[in-house]
Amino acid sequence: MIEYIIKRVLLFIPTMIAITIIAFGISRLAPGDPAAIKAGVASEGSQNQNSVINAKSLEEWRKQMHLDKPILTQYGLWLMDILQLDFGKSFKDSRPVLDKIVERFPLTIIMNLVAVVLAYIIAVPIGVYSATHPNTTLDKILSIFTFAMYSLPTVWTATLAITFLCSTEFLYLFPTSGFRSDDFSMLSFPEQVIDITWHLLLPMLIYTYGSFAFISRQMRSAMLETVRQDYIRTARAKGLSEKVVIMKHAFRNSLIPIITLLAGILPQLIGGSVIVESKFSIPGMGKLSFEALNDRDYPMIMAIFTISGVLTLAGILLSDILYSIADPRIAYTKKSS
């Protein structure tokens, strides 16, 4: 196992180099001059309502951003900076990119972890039940319900929820934006917890329902395939109870697809939900990513892209390790004959 992990970590090096090349290439292939955008003009020699940037000052910006150097030199300098966790400064407000990410990260990670836990706690038992009671009335109802939820676009559901559940014209059950009230600092700790829960409950429901539906269908499919295997028939023929057959033999061997889905969780922790956070004005990583794209904030975009790539690789490695825990038959080294 240790040897396998070391080999995988070493393989991360060329993969990470490829990710940084793509992130750097995206910033350079995008239309517009980064120095001109930073200076507040559309192109060299142009002007906006506030100021006129002459060619000399624009050249100073290019030198400061190393845009006057060859492209390979630019990439090397940027790579050395990110190895020191220096992602530069945001074009929008000149604040360090890492500071802005650290500021938004806690809220996003809490929302994502709660969403993942809720989705798995609810979806996995439903998938197991549907697989062990196929074609029953409840299984058909659950199938229709989960398919319907999975097919609903998040942006459409969020819009309807805000219109009908956050409006005095219909039902005002939840706030329309933010994650806390204006008088939050004046509330006691229990009241603060209730206030945050009240603000985030609806966004969390919108954020979770798609994953919940997808995971439950994946669990059902994996369980259906497993319960038809010969060793399950053998376990039943030995006289084992149905509960032992399902939970000890079938369930554990059906977790491989579910563990695979876990590989996408870590990048979601940094990426957040652009739609949900933008619709409900929640200051998380998703909204930060959306704002960076709108503002053409290249340092921020490159930082989020690179960190998401690292977390994706870490998620894949974590899934590979969990495979052997769920199914001991999986080996990472060649077994001697």
Protein backbone atom coordinates (compact mmCIF):
# COMPACT_ATOMS: atom_id res chain seq x y z
CA MET A 1 0.00 0.00 0.00
CA ILE A 2 2.76 2.47 0.99
CA GLU A 3 4.67 1.67 -2.20
CA TYR A 4 1.55 2.25 -4.26
CA ILE A 5 0.86 5.62 -2.59
CA ILE A 6 4.45 6.75 -3.20
CA LYS A 7 4.22 5.80 -6.88
CA ARG A 8 0.91 7.64 -7.27
CA VAL A 9 2.27 10.75 -5.58
CA LEU A 10 5.26 10.71 -7.91
CA LEU A 11 2.89 10.38 -10.87
CA PHE A 12 1.15 13.52 -9.64
CA ILE A 13 4.20 15.59 -10.57
CA PRO A 14 3.84 15.37 -14.38
CA THR A 15 0.06 15.62 -14.03
CA MET A 16 0.37 18.77 -11.96
CA ILE A 17 2.80 20.25 -14.47
CA ALA A 18 0.20 19.63 -17.18
CA ILE A 19 -2.48 21.30 -15.03
CA THR A 20 -0.33 24.38 -14.46
CA ILE A 21 0.44 24.59 -18.18
CA ILE A 22 -3.27 24.50 -18.98
CA ALA A 23 -4.07 27.10 -16.30
CA PHE A 24 -1.30 29.38 -17.55
CA GLY A 25 -2.29 28.83 -21.18
CA ILE A 26 -5.91 29.75 -20.50
CA SER A 27 -4.86 33.10 -19.08
CA ARG A 28 -2.63 33.82 -22.04
CA LEU A 29 -5.04 32.62 -24.74
CA ALA A 30 -7.94 34.65 -23.36
CA PRO A 31 -8.70 37.81 -25.36
CA GLY A 32 -7.35 41.10 -24.10
CA ASP A 33 -4.12 42.28 -22.54
CA PRO A 34 -3.82 41.37 -18.82
CA ALA A 35 -1.69 44.45 -18.18
CA ALA A 36 -4.26 46.68 -19.88
CA ILE A 37 -7.06 45.06 -17.88
CA LYS A 38 -5.09 45.59 -14.67
CA ALA A 39 -4.46 49.20 -15.66
CA GLY A 40 -8.15 49.71 -16.31
CA VAL A 41 -8.10 50.03 -20.09
CA ALA A 42 -9.30 47.74 -22.85
CA SER A 43 -6.12 47.93 -24.88
CA GLU A 44 -2.93 49.89 -25.15
CA GLY A 45 -3.51 53.58 -25.73
CA SER A 46 -7.25 53.43 -24.91
CA GLN A 47 -8.94 55.35 -22.12
CA ASN A 48 -11.81 54.97 -19.70
CA GLN A 49 -13.94 57.47 -17.81
CA ASN A 50 -11.56 57.80 -14.88
CA SER A 51 -8.08 58.05 -16.35
CA VAL A 52 -5.89 57.78 -19.41
CA ILE A 53 -3.06 55.27 -19.26
CA ASN A 54 -0.25 56.21 -21.60
CA ALA A 55 2.06 53.76 -23.24
CA LYS A 56 4.82 54.30 -20.69
CA SER A 57 2.70 53.48 -17.65
CA LEU A 58 1.18 50.51 -19.46
CA GLU A 59 4.68 49.22 -20.13
CA GLU A 60 5.42 49.50 -16.42
CA TRP A 61 2.46 47.24 -15.70
CA ARG A 62 3.76 44.72 -18.23
CA LYS A 63 7.16 44.70 -16.55
CA GLN A 64 5.59 44.27 -13.12
CA MET A 65 3.52 41.32 -14.40
CA HIS A 66 6.53 39.88 -16.32
CA LEU A 67 4.61 40.20 -19.60
CA ASP A 68 7.66 41.71 -21.26
CA LYS A 69 9.53 38.41 -20.91
CA PRO A 70 9.34 35.31 -23.17
CA ILE A 71 6.33 33.08 -22.58
CA LEU A 72 8.39 30.22 -21.11
CA THR A 73 10.06 32.61 -18.68
CA GLN A 74 6.63 33.93 -17.65
CA TYR A 75 5.45 30.39 -16.98
CA GLY A 76 8.57 29.54 -14.97
CA LEU A 77 8.24 32.64 -12.79
CA TRP A 78 4.54 31.97 -12.20
CA LEU A 79 5.25 28.32 -11.35
CA MET A 80 7.90 29.33 -8.80
CA ASP A 81 5.40 31.72 -7.22
CA ILE A 82 2.63 29.14 -6.82
CA LEU A 83 5.09 26.65 -5.32
CA GLN A 84 5.48 29.28 -2.58
CA LEU A 85 1.67 29.64 -2.41
CA ASP A 86 1.93 33.07 -3.94
CA PHE A 87 -0.89 33.35 -6.48
CA GLY A 88 -0.40 37.05 -7.04
CA LYS A 89 -2.86 39.87 -6.43
CA SER A 90 -6.41 40.15 -7.64
CA PHE A 91 -7.04 42.49 -10.55
CA LYS A 92 -10.27 43.60 -8.93
CA ASP A 93 -9.04 45.05 -5.64
CA SER A 94 -5.27 44.31 -5.57
CA ARG A 95 -5.70 42.03 -2.56
CA PRO A 96 -3.63 38.83 -2.39
CA VAL A 97 -5.50 36.03 -4.15
CA LEU A 98 -4.76 33.52 -1.39
CA ASP A 99 -6.23 35.85 1.25
CA LYS A 100 -9.49 36.13 -0.68
CA ILE A 101 -9.67 32.35 -1.11
CA VAL A 102 -9.01 31.74 2.60
CA GLU A 103 -11.72 34.28 3.43
CA ARG A 104 -14.38 32.54 1.32
CA PHE A 105 -13.26 28.95 1.89
CA PRO A 106 -14.75 28.18 5.36
CA LEU A 107 -18.36 28.89 4.35
CA THR A 108 -18.05 26.86 1.15
CA ILE A 109 -16.43 23.87 2.82
CA ILE A 110 -19.09 23.77 5.56
CA MET A 111 -21.88 23.89 2.98
CA ASN A 112 -20.28 21.18 0.86
CA LEU A 113 -19.50 18.84 3.73
CA VAL A 114 -23.05 19.12 5.07
CA ALA A 115 -24.44 18.57 1.56
CA VAL A 116 -22.28 15.49 1.00
CA VAL A 117 -23.13 13.94 4.37
CA LEU A 118 -26.86 14.55 3.89
CA ALA A 119 -26.80 13.21 0.34
CA TYR A 120 -25.03 9.98 1.30
CA ILE A 121 -27.00 9.40 4.50
CA ILE A 122 -30.30 9.67 2.62
CA ALA A 123 -29.37 8.36 -0.82
CA VAL A 124 -27.45 5.19 0.09
CA PRO A 125 -30.27 3.59 2.19
CA ILE A 126 -32.79 4.46 -0.52
CA GLY A 127 -30.59 2.86 -3.15
CA VAL A 128 -30.15 -0.27 -1.05
CA TYR A 129 -33.88 -0.56 -0.41
CA SER A 130 -34.74 -0.09 -4.09
CA ALA A 131 -32.23 -2.76 -5.09
CA THR A 132 -33.46 -5.28 -2.52
CA HIS A 133 -37.14 -4.61 -3.33
CA PRO A 134 -37.06 -4.17 -7.13
CA ASN A 135 -40.26 -3.44 -9.05
CA THR A 136 -42.30 -2.96 -5.89
CA THR A 137 -44.69 -0.03 -5.64
CA LEU A 138 -42.39 1.92 -3.33
CA ASP A 139 -39.40 1.23 -5.60
CA LYS A 140 -41.32 2.62 -8.58
CA ILE A 141 -42.34 5.70 -6.60
CA LEU A 142 -38.76 6.29 -5.45
CA SER A 143 -37.47 5.81 -9.01
CA ILE A 144 -39.91 8.36 -10.43
CA PHE A 145 -39.13 10.79 -7.60
CA THR A 146 -35.34 10.54 -7.93
CA PHE A 147 -35.41 10.74 -11.73
CA ALA A 148 -37.60 13.83 -11.50
CA MET A 149 -35.24 15.52 -9.05
CA TYR A 150 -32.17 14.65 -11.11
CA SER A 151 -33.74 16.13 -14.25
CA LEU A 152 -34.61 19.48 -12.65
CA PRO A 153 -32.04 22.19 -13.55
CA THR A 154 -30.54 23.81 -10.48
CA VAL A 155 -30.89 27.36 -11.80
CA TRP A 156 -34.60 26.80 -12.55
CA THR A 157 -35.26 25.22 -9.14
CA ALA A 158 -33.41 28.00 -7.33
CA THR A 159 -35.40 30.65 -9.20
CA LEU A 160 -38.71 28.99 -8.35
CA ALA A 161 -37.68 28.57 -4.72
CA ILE A 162 -36.78 32.25 -4.39
CA THR A 163 -40.02 33.29 -6.11
CA PHE A 164 -42.43 31.12 -4.14
CA LEU A 165 -40.68 30.52 -0.80
CA CYS A 166 -38.82 33.81 -0.26
CA SER A 167 -41.47 36.31 -1.34
CA THR A 168 -44.22 38.05 0.62
CA GLU A 169 -46.51 37.60 -2.39
CA PHE A 170 -46.51 33.80 -1.85
CA LEU A 171 -44.68 32.35 1.16
CA TYR A 172 -41.92 34.10 3.06
CA LEU A 173 -40.27 31.10 4.72
CA PHE A 174 -36.61 31.82 4.00
CA PRO A 175 -34.41 34.89 3.34
CA THR A 176 -33.61 35.66 -0.26
CA SER A 177 -29.88 36.29 0.14
CA GLY A 178 -26.88 36.11 2.42
CA PHE A 179 -26.02 33.62 5.12
CA ARG A 180 -26.81 35.71 8.21
CA SER A 181 -28.95 38.62 9.33
CA ASP A 182 -27.80 42.22 9.70
CA ASP A 183 -28.06 42.05 13.50
CA PHE A 184 -26.10 38.78 13.65
CA SER A 185 -23.42 40.16 15.99
CA MET A 186 -26.07 41.13 18.55
CA LEU A 187 -27.53 37.62 18.78
CA SER A 188 -26.58 34.99 21.34
CA PHE A 189 -24.69 31.91 20.17
CA PRO A 190 -27.79 29.64 19.92
CA GLU A 191 -29.62 32.41 18.06
CA GLN A 192 -26.66 32.79 15.69
CA VAL A 193 -26.76 29.06 14.91
CA ILE A 194 -30.50 29.26 14.24
CA ASP A 195 -30.04 32.36 12.09
CA ILE A 196 -27.34 30.76 9.91
CA THR A 197 -29.39 27.56 9.61
CA TRP A 198 -32.43 29.59 8.54
CA HIS A 199 -30.42 31.39 5.86
CA LEU A 200 -28.64 28.30 4.51
CA LEU A 201 -31.42 25.70 4.70
CA LEU A 202 -33.00 26.50 1.34
CA PRO A 203 -29.68 26.90 -0.55
CA MET A 204 -28.52 23.59 0.94
CA LEU A 205 -31.69 21.83 -0.23
CA ILE A 206 -31.22 23.23 -3.74
CA TYR A 207 -27.56 22.26 -3.68
CA THR A 208 -28.15 18.71 -2.43
CA TYR A 209 -31.15 17.33 -4.31
CA GLY A 210 -29.29 16.64 -7.57
CA SER A 211 -26.47 14.76 -5.86
CA PHE A 212 -28.93 12.89 -3.68
CA ALA A 213 -30.89 11.64 -6.70
CA PHE A 214 -27.76 10.64 -8.63
CA ILE A 215 -26.12 8.78 -5.72
CA SER A 216 -29.30 6.83 -4.96
CA ARG A 217 -29.57 5.63 -8.56
CA GLN A 218 -25.90 4.66 -8.64
CA MET A 219 -26.28 2.73 -5.39
CA ARG A 220 -29.36 0.94 -6.70
CA SER A 221 -27.62 -0.10 -9.92
CA ALA A 222 -24.52 -1.35 -8.09
CA MET A 223 -26.60 -3.31 -5.58
CA LEU A 224 -28.76 -4.89 -8.28
CA GLU A 225 -25.65 -6.11 -10.07
CA THR A 226 -24.12 -7.45 -6.85
CA VAL A 227 -27.16 -9.35 -5.53
CA ARG A 228 -27.24 -11.34 -8.77
CA GLN A 229 -23.71 -12.68 -8.29
CA ASP A 230 -23.07 -16.36 -7.54
CA TYR A 231 -21.50 -15.74 -4.14
CA ILE A 232 -24.70 -14.01 -2.99
CA ARG A 233 -26.70 -17.10 -3.97
CA THR A 234 -24.14 -19.21 -2.11
CA ALA A 235 -24.49 -17.09 1.02
CA ARG A 236 -28.25 -17.51 0.92
CA ALA A 237 -27.90 -21.24 0.31
CA LYS A 238 -25.80 -21.50 3.48
CA GLY A 239 -28.81 -20.29 5.43
CA LEU A 240 -27.55 -16.82 6.28
CA SER A 241 -30.23 -14.29 7.10
CA GLU A 242 -31.18 -11.80 4.39
CA LYS A 243 -29.89 -8.94 6.52
CA VAL A 244 -26.44 -10.53 6.82
CA VAL A 245 -26.35 -11.35 3.10
CA ILE A 246 -27.23 -7.79 2.09
CA MET A 247 -25.23 -5.79 4.64
CA LYS A 248 -22.12 -7.99 4.98
CA HIS A 249 -21.70 -9.38 1.48
CA ALA A 250 -23.67 -7.32 -1.04
CA PHE A 251 -23.48 -3.82 0.42
CA ARG A 252 -19.72 -3.70 0.90
CA ASN A 253 -19.01 -4.95 -2.61
CA SER A 254 -21.44 -2.41 -4.06
CA LEU A 255 -19.58 0.58 -2.66
CA ILE A 256 -16.99 0.84 -5.47
CA PRO A 257 -19.09 3.17 -7.70
CA ILE A 258 -20.05 5.24 -4.65
CA ILE A 259 -16.41 5.58 -3.61
CA THR A 260 -15.57 6.64 -7.15
CA LEU A 261 -18.03 9.51 -6.80
CA LEU A 262 -16.10 10.65 -3.73
CA ALA A 263 -13.20 11.63 -6.01
CA GLY A 264 -15.21 14.65 -7.10
CA ILE A 265 -15.91 15.88 -3.59
CA LEU A 266 -12.56 17.53 -2.84
CA PRO A 267 -12.54 19.85 -5.89
CA GLN A 268 -16.14 20.79 -5.04
CA LEU A 269 -14.91 22.00 -1.67
CA ILE A 270 -12.93 24.75 -3.40
CA GLY A 271 -15.21 25.24 -6.39
CA GLY A 272 -18.47 25.50 -4.50
CA SER A 273 -21.74 25.94 -6.33
CA VAL A 274 -21.65 28.88 -8.72
CA ILE A 275 -25.41 28.79 -9.36
CA VAL A 276 -26.58 28.42 -5.76
CA GLU A 277 -24.14 30.93 -4.28
CA SER A 278 -24.84 33.46 -7.03
CA LYS A 279 -28.62 33.08 -6.81
CA PHE A 280 -28.70 33.43 -3.03
CA SER A 281 -25.81 35.94 -2.81
CA ILE A 282 -23.77 33.69 -0.54
CA PRO A 283 -20.14 34.87 -0.33
CA GLY A 284 -18.49 31.52 -0.97
CA MET A 285 -16.00 30.12 -3.44
CA GLY A 286 -18.62 29.57 -6.13
CA LYS A 287 -19.60 33.23 -6.14
CA LEU A 288 -15.93 34.23 -6.03
CA SER A 289 -15.25 32.10 -9.13
CA PHE A 290 -18.19 33.65 -10.94
CA GLU A 291 -17.07 37.17 -10.06
CA ALA A 292 -13.52 36.38 -11.20
CA LEU A 293 -14.81 35.24 -14.60
CA ASN A 294 -16.97 38.33 -14.99
CA ASP A 295 -14.12 40.64 -13.99
CA ARG A 296 -11.54 38.69 -16.03
CA ASP A 297 -9.49 38.39 -12.86
CA TYR A 298 -6.79 36.15 -14.32
CA PRO A 299 -4.76 35.55 -11.12
CA MET A 300 -7.90 34.45 -9.28
CA ILE A 301 -9.06 32.19 -12.12
CA MET A 302 -5.63 30.57 -12.42
CA ALA A 303 -5.43 30.02 -8.66
CA ILE A 304 -8.86 28.38 -8.41
CA PHE A 305 -8.17 26.23 -11.46
CA THR A 306 -4.81 25.06 -10.12
CA ILE A 307 -6.04 24.33 -6.58
CA SER A 308 -9.05 22.45 -7.98
CA GLY A 309 -6.67 20.32 -10.05
CA VAL A 310 -4.58 19.45 -6.98
CA LEU A 311 -7.70 18.51 -5.01
CA THR A 312 -8.96 16.38 -7.90
CA LEU A 313 -5.74 14.37 -7.86
CA ALA A 314 -5.96 14.04 -4.07
CA GLY A 315 -9.58 12.86 -4.39
CA ILE A 316 -8.60 10.19 -6.91
CA LEU A 317 -5.82 8.95 -4.62
CA LEU A 318 -8.22 8.86 -1.67
CA SER A 319 -10.71 6.84 -3.70
CA ASP A 320 -8.03 4.34 -4.71
CA ILE A 321 -7.09 3.81 -1.06
CA LEU A 322 -10.73 3.38 -0.03
CA TYR A 323 -11.19 0.74 -2.75
CA SER A 324 -8.98 -1.70 -0.87
CA ILE A 325 -10.83 -1.01 2.38
CA ALA A 326 -14.22 -1.68 0.78
CA ASP A 327 -13.00 -4.69 -1.18
CA PRO A 328 -9.88 -6.45 0.22
CA ARG A 329 -9.58 -8.42 -3.02
CA ILE A 330 -8.19 -5.30 -4.67
CA ALA A 331 -4.40 -5.37 -4.54
CA TYR A 332 -1.93 -2.67 -5.53
CA THR A 333 1.04 -4.95 -6.07
CA LYS A 334 1.47 -8.13 -8.05
CA LYS A 335 0.84 -11.20 -5.95
CA SER A 336 3.39 -13.96 -6.17
CA SER A 337 2.08 -17.15 -7.72
